[in-house]
Protein backbone atom coordinates (compact mmCIF):
# COMPACT_ATOMS: atom_id res chain seq x y z
CA MET A 1 -0.88 29.66 -12.76
CA SER A 2 -4.66 29.23 -12.97
CA GLU A 3 -5.20 26.27 -15.31
CA LYS A 4 -6.61 22.92 -14.17
CA PHE A 5 -4.63 19.68 -14.15
CA ASP A 6 -5.63 16.04 -14.15
CA ILE A 7 -2.63 15.09 -11.99
CA LEU A 8 -0.41 16.94 -9.56
CA VAL A 9 2.84 15.01 -8.94
CA ILE A 10 4.77 15.92 -5.78
CA GLY A 11 8.33 14.83 -5.07
CA ALA A 12 9.20 14.07 -8.68
CA THR A 13 12.97 14.43 -8.18
CA GLY A 14 13.06 11.47 -5.80
CA PHE A 15 14.23 8.05 -6.90
CA VAL A 16 10.74 6.53 -7.27
CA GLY A 17 9.05 9.80 -8.29
CA LYS A 18 11.37 10.19 -11.25
CA ARG A 19 10.69 6.61 -12.34
CA PHE A 20 6.96 7.30 -12.15
CA ILE A 21 7.27 10.28 -14.52
CA LYS A 22 9.34 8.26 -17.01
CA THR A 23 6.90 5.35 -16.90
CA TRP A 24 3.88 7.63 -17.15
CA LEU A 25 5.25 9.27 -20.28
CA SER A 26 5.75 5.89 -21.91
CA PHE A 27 2.04 5.16 -21.50
CA HIS A 28 0.27 8.54 -21.51
CA GLN A 29 2.16 11.21 -23.40
CA GLU A 30 -0.81 13.26 -24.58
CA LYS A 31 -3.94 12.07 -22.80
CA TYR A 32 -3.72 13.83 -19.43
CA SER A 33 -2.51 17.18 -18.18
CA MET A 34 0.03 17.09 -15.38
CA LEU A 35 1.70 19.56 -13.05
CA VAL A 36 5.04 18.19 -11.85
CA THR A 37 6.46 19.80 -8.71
CA ALA A 38 9.57 19.52 -6.57
CA ARG A 39 11.70 21.72 -4.38
CA GLN A 40 13.90 22.32 -7.42
CA SER A 41 11.73 21.49 -10.41
CA ASN A 42 14.36 22.72 -12.89
CA LYS A 43 16.16 19.39 -12.31
CA LEU A 44 13.32 17.74 -14.25
CA ALA A 45 13.36 20.03 -17.26
CA SER A 46 15.18 17.56 -19.52
CA LEU A 47 12.84 14.75 -18.49
CA ILE A 48 9.65 16.44 -19.66
CA GLU A 49 10.87 18.59 -22.53
CA ASN A 50 8.63 18.56 -25.61
CA HIS A 51 5.61 17.42 -23.60
CA PRO A 52 3.11 20.28 -23.92
CA LYS A 53 0.57 18.80 -21.47
CA ILE A 54 3.10 18.77 -18.61
CA LYS A 55 4.07 21.87 -16.63
CA LEU A 56 6.80 22.31 -14.02
CA ALA A 57 6.63 24.28 -10.79
CA ASP A 58 8.61 24.61 -7.57
CA LEU A 59 6.68 23.62 -4.46
CA ASP A 60 7.52 24.26 -0.81
CA LEU A 61 5.53 21.76 1.25
CA ASN A 62 5.87 24.00 4.29
CA ASN A 63 3.92 26.73 2.45
CA GLN A 64 0.28 25.77 3.04
CA GLU A 65 -1.01 28.57 0.81
CA GLN A 66 1.06 27.35 -2.13
CA VAL A 67 0.05 23.74 -1.47
CA ASP A 68 -3.63 24.77 -1.41
CA GLN A 69 -3.24 26.63 -4.68
CA TYR A 70 -1.79 23.69 -6.59
CA VAL A 71 -4.04 21.07 -4.97
CA SER A 72 -7.21 23.06 -5.69
CA GLN A 73 -6.25 23.19 -9.37
CA SER A 74 -5.93 19.40 -9.58
CA TYR A 75 -8.21 16.38 -9.80
CA LEU A 76 -5.67 13.92 -8.33
CA VAL A 77 -2.45 14.25 -6.32
CA VAL A 78 0.25 11.56 -6.56
CA ASN A 79 2.83 12.12 -3.82
CA PHE A 80 6.37 10.69 -3.63
CA ALA A 81 7.88 13.18 -1.15
CA GLY A 82 8.82 11.42 2.07
CA PRO A 83 9.25 10.73 4.86
CA PHE A 84 5.52 11.30 4.63
CA ASP A 85 4.95 11.84 8.34
CA LEU A 86 7.33 14.80 8.11
CA LEU A 87 6.23 16.29 4.79
CA ALA A 88 2.83 15.13 3.54
CA GLU A 89 0.26 16.43 6.04
CA PRO A 90 -0.21 19.84 4.32
CA VAL A 91 -1.04 17.97 1.11
CA VAL A 92 -3.52 15.56 2.72
CA LYS A 93 -5.11 18.44 4.64
CA SER A 94 -5.59 20.37 1.41
CA CYS A 95 -6.96 17.35 -0.48
CA ALA A 96 -9.53 16.70 2.27
CA LYS A 97 -10.55 20.36 2.25
CA HIS A 98 -10.87 20.73 -1.53
CA GLY A 99 -12.28 17.28 -2.36
CA VAL A 100 -9.16 16.27 -4.35
CA HIS A 101 -8.07 12.63 -4.57
CA TYR A 102 -4.69 11.55 -3.22
CA LEU A 103 -2.26 8.62 -3.58
CA ASP A 104 1.16 7.94 -2.09
CA ILE A 105 3.55 5.00 -1.63
CA THR A 106 4.13 5.27 2.11
CA GLY A 107 4.51 2.40 4.53
CA GLU A 108 4.52 4.80 7.51
CA ILE A 109 1.78 3.54 9.79
CA GLN A 110 2.02 6.48 12.17
CA PHE A 111 1.31 8.79 9.23
CA GLY A 112 -1.66 6.70 8.08
CA LYS A 113 -3.13 6.67 11.58
CA ARG A 114 -2.72 10.41 12.08
CA MET A 115 -4.21 11.29 8.68
CA ALA A 116 -7.20 9.03 9.31
CA GLU A 117 -7.84 10.56 12.73
CA LYS A 118 -7.54 14.15 11.51
CA TYR A 119 -8.95 14.14 7.98
CA HIS A 120 -11.06 11.03 7.30
CA HIS A 121 -14.42 12.63 8.06
CA GLU A 122 -13.70 15.86 6.19
CA ALA A 123 -12.44 13.95 3.17
CA ASN A 124 -15.51 11.71 3.23
CA LYS A 125 -17.79 14.72 3.43
CA ASN A 126 -16.04 16.40 0.48
CA ARG A 127 -15.92 13.16 -1.58
CA ALA A 128 -12.13 12.91 -1.64
CA ILE A 129 -10.52 9.47 -1.98
CA ILE A 130 -7.28 9.62 0.04
CA VAL A 131 -5.18 6.46 -0.20
CA PRO A 132 -1.82 6.18 1.54
CA PHE A 133 -0.07 2.78 1.11
CA ALA A 134 -0.85 2.73 -2.64
CA GLY A 135 2.36 1.07 -3.84
CA PHE A 136 3.92 -2.27 -2.99
CA ASP A 137 3.05 -0.97 0.48
CA SER A 138 0.33 -2.30 0.70
CA ILE A 139 -1.84 -3.06 -2.34
CA PRO A 140 -0.85 -6.72 -2.90
CA SER A 141 -1.65 -7.50 0.74
CA ASP A 142 -4.83 -5.47 1.11
CA LEU A 143 -6.31 -6.27 -2.30
CA GLY A 144 -5.09 -9.87 -1.99
CA VAL A 145 -7.25 -10.35 1.11
CA LEU A 146 -10.31 -9.05 -0.71
CA LEU A 147 -9.70 -11.13 -3.85
CA ALA A 148 -8.86 -14.33 -1.94
CA ALA A 149 -11.95 -13.93 0.25
CA LYS A 150 -14.07 -13.52 -2.89
CA ALA A 151 -12.50 -16.62 -4.47
CA LEU A 152 -13.16 -18.66 -1.33
CA HIS A 153 -16.74 -17.40 -1.15
CA GLU A 154 -17.31 -18.45 -4.78
CA LYS A 155 -15.85 -21.90 -4.09
CA ILE A 156 -18.13 -22.33 -1.09
CA ILE A 157 -21.19 -21.55 -3.20
CA GLU A 158 -19.98 -23.76 -6.05
CA HIS A 159 -19.61 -26.79 -3.78
CA ALA A 160 -22.81 -26.25 -1.83
CA GLU A 161 -25.37 -29.01 -2.43
CA GLU A 162 -27.89 -26.34 -3.29
CA LYS A 163 -26.81 -23.28 -5.26
CA VAL A 164 -27.22 -20.97 -2.28
CA ASP A 165 -24.85 -19.35 0.15
CA THR A 166 -23.73 -21.36 3.18
CA GLU A 167 -22.78 -20.29 6.66
CA GLU A 168 -19.06 -20.87 6.01
CA LYS A 169 -16.96 -17.72 6.28
CA VAL A 170 -13.31 -16.76 5.81
CA ALA A 171 -11.47 -17.75 8.99
CA SER A 172 -7.90 -16.79 8.10
CA ILE A 173 -5.68 -15.59 5.29
CA ASP A 174 -1.93 -16.13 5.00
CA ILE A 175 0.24 -14.40 2.42
CA ALA A 176 3.73 -15.75 1.80
CA TYR A 177 5.92 -13.32 -0.15
CA ARG A 178 9.07 -13.96 -2.11
CA ALA A 179 10.73 -10.68 -3.11
CA VAL A 180 13.99 -9.83 -4.86
CA GLY A 181 15.15 -6.25 -5.26
CA GLY A 182 17.05 -3.35 -3.71
CA LEU A 183 16.64 -0.49 -1.24
CA ASN A 184 16.31 3.19 -2.08
CA GLY A 185 17.12 6.10 0.22
CA GLY A 186 13.54 7.26 0.57
CA THR A 187 12.41 3.87 1.86
CA LEU A 188 15.29 3.80 4.35
CA ALA A 189 14.44 7.32 5.60
CA SER A 190 10.80 6.32 6.08
CA ALA A 191 11.79 3.14 7.92
CA ILE A 192 13.98 5.12 10.31
CA ASP A 193 11.15 7.61 10.88
CA ILE A 194 8.72 4.81 11.69
CA GLY A 195 11.18 3.26 14.12
CA SER A 196 11.63 6.52 15.98
CA LYS A 197 7.90 7.16 16.44
CA VAL A 198 6.04 3.85 16.81
CA ASN A 199 6.44 2.14 20.17
CA ASP A 200 6.60 -1.62 20.64
CA THR A 201 2.98 -1.95 21.82
CA ASP A 202 1.59 -0.07 18.84
CA TRP A 203 3.91 -1.85 16.41
CA HIS A 204 2.34 -5.18 17.40
CA ASN A 205 -1.27 -3.96 17.51
CA PRO A 206 -3.15 -4.64 14.24
CA TYR A 207 -5.95 -2.37 15.50
CA TYR A 208 -3.52 0.58 15.48
CA MET A 209 -5.11 2.39 12.52
CA ILE A 210 -8.69 1.84 13.69
CA PRO A 211 -9.16 4.39 16.48
CA GLU A 212 -12.90 3.64 16.57
CA ILE A 213 -12.33 -0.11 17.02
CA GLN A 214 -14.02 -0.33 20.44
CA ASN A 215 -17.21 1.21 19.07
CA HIS A 216 -17.23 -1.34 16.26
CA LEU A 217 -16.65 -4.26 18.59
CA THR A 218 -19.35 -3.10 21.00
CA SER A 219 -21.98 -2.43 18.35
CA LYS A 220 -21.24 -5.28 15.92
CA GLN A 221 -19.97 -8.00 18.25
CA TRP A 222 -17.32 -8.83 15.69
CA GLN A 223 -13.66 -9.20 16.52
CA LEU A 224 -10.41 -9.55 14.64
CA ARG A 225 -7.88 -11.85 16.23
CA ILE A 226 -4.49 -10.55 17.30
CA PRO A 227 -1.73 -13.13 16.66
CA LYS A 228 -0.29 -14.44 19.92
CA GLU A 229 3.34 -14.10 18.84
CA LYS A 230 4.83 -10.62 18.81
CA TRP A 231 7.60 -11.65 16.42
CA PRO A 232 6.56 -14.99 14.92
CA ALA A 233 9.28 -17.52 14.31
CA MET A 234 9.77 -19.52 11.13
CA ARG A 235 6.76 -21.71 10.37
CA TYR A 236 5.49 -24.25 7.90
CA LEU A 237 2.54 -23.59 5.59
CA PRO A 238 1.20 -27.02 4.61
CA GLU A 239 -1.03 -25.72 1.81
CA ILE A 240 2.00 -24.66 -0.24
CA LYS A 241 4.48 -27.09 1.40
CA LYS A 242 6.99 -24.39 2.26
CA TRP A 243 8.83 -23.15 5.32
CA CYS A 244 8.56 -19.38 5.81
CA ALA A 245 10.32 -16.72 7.83
CA PRO A 246 8.70 -13.58 9.32
CA PHE A 247 8.09 -10.80 6.78
CA PHE A 248 9.12 -7.31 7.88
CA MET A 249 6.07 -5.79 6.19
CA GLU A 250 3.51 -7.74 8.24
CA PRO A 251 3.25 -5.20 11.10
CA ILE A 252 2.51 -2.52 8.47
CA ASN A 253 0.21 -4.46 6.18
CA ASN A 254 -1.91 -6.08 8.88
CA LYS A 255 -2.96 -2.62 10.07
CA VAL A 256 -4.01 -1.65 6.56
CA VAL A 257 -5.90 -4.92 6.11
CA TYR A 258 -7.72 -4.65 9.42
CA ARG A 259 -8.75 -1.05 8.79
CA ALA A 260 -10.14 -2.14 5.42
CA LEU A 261 -12.15 -4.92 7.05
CA ILE A 262 -13.76 -2.45 9.42
CA LEU A 263 -14.57 0.09 6.69
CA ARG A 264 -15.99 -2.36 4.11
CA PRO A 265 -19.70 -2.78 4.90
CA ASP A 266 -19.87 -6.45 3.84
CA SER A 267 -17.03 -7.74 6.02
CA GLU A 268 -19.21 -9.35 8.67
CA LYS A 269 -21.01 -11.39 6.01
CA ILE A 270 -17.76 -12.72 4.53
CA PHE A 271 -15.21 -12.89 7.37
CA ALA A 272 -15.65 -15.09 10.43
CA LYS A 273 -15.62 -13.78 13.95
CA ASN A 274 -12.02 -13.95 15.15
CA PHE A 275 -10.66 -13.85 11.59
CA TYR A 276 -6.91 -13.42 11.55
CA TYR A 277 -4.36 -12.36 8.94
CA ARG A 278 -0.69 -13.28 8.71
CA GLU A 279 2.26 -12.62 6.38
CA SER A 280 5.51 -14.52 5.89
CA GLN A 281 8.46 -14.56 3.53
CA ILE A 282 9.86 -17.41 1.45
CA PHE A 283 13.64 -17.07 1.18
CA ASN A 284 14.29 -19.58 -1.57
CA ARG A 285 12.31 -21.17 -4.36
CA SER A 286 12.03 -24.53 -2.63
CA GLY A 287 10.84 -23.13 0.68
CA ALA A 288 13.21 -25.47 2.51
CA ALA A 289 13.67 -25.12 6.27
CA PRO A 290 17.31 -23.89 6.19
CA GLY A 291 16.34 -20.84 4.12
CA ALA A 292 13.52 -20.01 6.52
CA PHE A 293 15.90 -20.38 9.48
CA ILE A 294 18.38 -17.96 7.90
CA GLY A 295 15.57 -15.53 7.10
CA ASP A 296 14.23 -15.74 10.64
CA SER A 297 17.69 -15.06 12.07
CA VAL A 298 18.32 -12.11 9.75
CA PHE A 299 14.91 -10.65 10.59
CA LYS A 300 15.48 -10.81 14.34
CA LEU A 301 19.05 -9.52 14.10
CA GLY A 302 18.00 -6.61 11.90
CA HIS A 303 15.20 -5.68 14.27
CA ALA A 304 17.54 -5.80 17.27
CA ILE A 305 20.09 -3.55 15.53
CA MET A 306 17.51 -0.98 14.42
CA GLU A 307 16.18 -0.72 17.98
CA ARG A 308 19.47 0.90 19.04
CA PRO A 309 20.68 4.44 18.25
CA TRP A 310 23.99 3.17 16.97
CA GLY A 311 22.14 0.84 14.59
CA ILE A 312 20.11 3.71 13.17
CA ASN A 313 23.25 5.82 12.76
CA LEU A 314 24.96 2.92 11.01
CA ALA A 315 22.03 2.53 8.61
CA LYS A 316 22.13 6.25 7.83
CA LYS A 317 25.84 6.11 7.19
CA LEU A 318 26.01 2.96 5.10
CA GLY A 319 22.59 2.94 3.44
CA PRO A 320 21.51 4.85 0.30
CA LYS A 321 20.77 8.54 0.65
CA GLN A 322 17.46 10.06 -0.41
CA GLY A 323 17.37 10.26 -4.20
CA GLU A 324 19.64 7.20 -4.47
CA GLY A 325 18.68 3.61 -5.17
CA PRO A 326 19.76 0.30 -6.66
CA SER A 327 21.20 -0.15 -10.12
CA GLU A 328 19.01 -0.45 -13.18
CA GLU A 329 20.08 -4.08 -13.51
CA THR A 330 18.90 -4.84 -9.97
CA ILE A 331 15.61 -3.06 -10.61
CA GLU A 332 14.88 -4.85 -13.88
CA ASN A 333 15.91 -8.29 -12.60
CA GLY A 334 13.85 -8.04 -9.42
CA PHE A 335 10.39 -9.52 -8.88
CA PHE A 336 7.88 -10.51 -6.27
CA THR A 337 5.46 -13.38 -5.85
CA ALA A 338 2.90 -13.89 -3.11
CA ASP A 339 1.04 -17.10 -2.31
CA VAL A 340 -2.33 -16.13 -0.83
CA ILE A 341 -4.03 -18.85 1.24
CA ALA A 342 -7.64 -18.33 2.34
CA ARG A 343 -9.24 -20.80 4.74
CA GLY A 344 -12.91 -21.17 5.61
CA ASP A 345 -14.07 -21.92 9.15
CA LEU A 346 -15.58 -25.21 7.86
CA GLY A 347 -12.41 -26.34 6.10
CA THR A 348 -12.67 -25.00 2.54
CA THR A 349 -9.36 -23.61 1.21
CA VAL A 350 -8.28 -21.66 -1.85
CA ILE A 351 -4.73 -20.75 -2.92
CA LYS A 352 -4.12 -17.80 -5.25
CA LYS A 353 -0.93 -16.07 -6.34
CA TRP A 354 0.38 -12.59 -7.13
CA ARG A 355 3.24 -12.13 -9.59
CA GLY A 356 4.97 -8.79 -10.10
CA VAL A 357 7.72 -7.91 -12.58
CA GLY A 358 10.67 -5.81 -11.39
CA ASP A 359 12.13 -4.75 -8.07
CA PRO A 360 9.15 -4.53 -5.64
CA GLY A 361 10.17 -1.23 -4.05
CA ASN A 362 11.37 0.55 -7.17
CA LYS A 363 9.66 -0.86 -10.27
CA ALA A 364 6.63 -2.89 -9.16
CA THR A 365 5.61 -0.11 -6.79
CA VAL A 366 5.58 2.34 -9.73
CA SER A 367 3.47 -0.13 -11.73
CA ILE A 368 1.05 -0.46 -8.81
CA ILE A 369 0.55 3.25 -8.20
CA MET A 370 0.27 3.73 -11.98
CA ALA A 371 -2.66 1.31 -11.98
CA ALA A 372 -4.33 3.14 -9.07
CA THR A 373 -3.82 6.48 -10.84
CA GLU A 374 -5.38 5.18 -14.04
CA GLN A 375 -8.43 3.83 -12.24
CA LEU A 376 -9.09 7.13 -10.50
CA LEU A 377 -8.68 9.03 -13.76
CA ASP A 378 -11.13 6.71 -15.52
CA LEU A 379 -13.63 7.15 -12.69
CA LYS A 380 -13.57 10.88 -13.34
CA ASN A 381 -15.60 10.31 -16.48
CA THR A 382 -17.35 7.00 -15.85
CA GLY A 383 -18.89 6.90 -12.44
CA LEU A 384 -17.14 8.54 -9.48
CA ASP A 385 -20.43 10.19 -8.53
CA LYS A 386 -21.97 6.73 -8.22
CA ALA A 387 -19.23 5.34 -5.96
CA PRO A 388 -20.52 4.21 -2.52
CA ASN A 389 -19.91 6.51 0.40
CA HIS A 390 -17.45 4.17 2.17
CA CYS A 391 -14.96 4.63 -0.71
CA PHE A 392 -14.33 8.25 0.32
CA GLY A 393 -12.13 9.48 3.16
CA VAL A 394 -8.70 8.28 4.28
CA VAL A 395 -9.13 4.68 3.22
CA PRO A 396 -7.06 1.56 2.44
CA PRO A 397 -6.58 0.65 -1.22
CA SER A 398 -9.10 -2.21 -1.32
CA VAL A 399 -11.81 0.09 0.03
CA ALA A 400 -11.08 2.78 -2.52
CA PHE A 401 -10.57 0.59 -5.59
CA GLY A 402 -12.12 -2.81 -4.98
CA GLU A 403 -11.47 -5.74 -7.27
CA GLU A 404 -11.78 -3.45 -10.32
CA LEU A 405 -8.16 -2.43 -9.71
CA LEU A 406 -7.04 -5.87 -10.84
CA ALA A 407 -7.59 -5.11 -14.54
CA TYR A 408 -5.38 -2.00 -14.27
CA LEU A 409 -2.65 -3.92 -12.42
CA GLU A 410 -2.55 -6.62 -15.08
CA LYS A 411 -1.78 -3.99 -17.73
CA HIS A 412 1.40 -3.23 -15.75
CA GLN A 413 2.58 -6.82 -15.23
CA VAL A 414 1.19 -7.32 -11.74
CA THR A 415 -1.03 -10.36 -12.14
CA TRP A 416 -3.39 -12.42 -10.01
CA GLU A 417 -3.62 -16.15 -10.73
């Protein structure tokens, strides 16, 4: 096979990968060429029949030569084969080497850290945009910080006595999620893999994915605050008048957010010294204290169980297997919202909101990576060569896509208000 493809899809027989192919075909049947791969690609034959621009091929991710062949024939790789820390390195390695762009839906922080340490500089040199965490993990959080900071900055200028910038900067951002949906086997397998590899110290260190952090702090005299609480308890957010419980995604998303702050060249102009970022979860519409108390208790109990071998074995036994997931009814009836609160160090505040249609981990995440895929494909013809240098490498979503991603998200029912 020697032809070129716009998109190489890996792991298309998985629960989310298969949904991506179905959704993609409903939007882009003829526009882009695609090579769809899996360990047993024949299982997808009925899904893509009568689509001449899509080809099927078996792919063994342990065969670096085969991975290199397919990656080098592609403009963009979209990867759904996890756990990513076990399977995805040959793909990222090849993308960095050949200057091919890459997206996946991982939440595996140990994978993101390792890929950044090993391949960021090569990918940057070869102008490859490599973006792990490009689904519900962690685009609403990472892009939400950028968009909320921009909104606060605009409000500061608007209310200045003279129409000039002031010294006020973004001091903190809170995101309070409300999410309804189900769990698929791939997500469970990744969660178990994270738990077995990330120790307690690293889990609570938001600098974890910034190995060069000391150099930045020494040269720029700019710090990011580490929250005092390892596992924060329920708390009240007065700006939205709701009680919130800890959100299990915070220890993942804060690492993505903090890496983005370091890599974006304008961060010191916008974010205050000692800026801090927090996430919470709203367990009921009203945000009443009893719901937050229940959520806090469930969070702590779940964490305690998953710290023990018997808890992991129980999750493997009772949870969905890879390739399995929630019912279509659960997926379609799910949703997420996220209240994003940005505070200035002189007291200015803005409140924005994300809304996403469908189960966050199984439908909204497909919508989100669809949007990222479409933006990268459009850049192929409209200005990738003009993109600033910091967009290339192993980078967080907001660094790669910026606020321009918002227009693509809105087309897929993920909106910013």
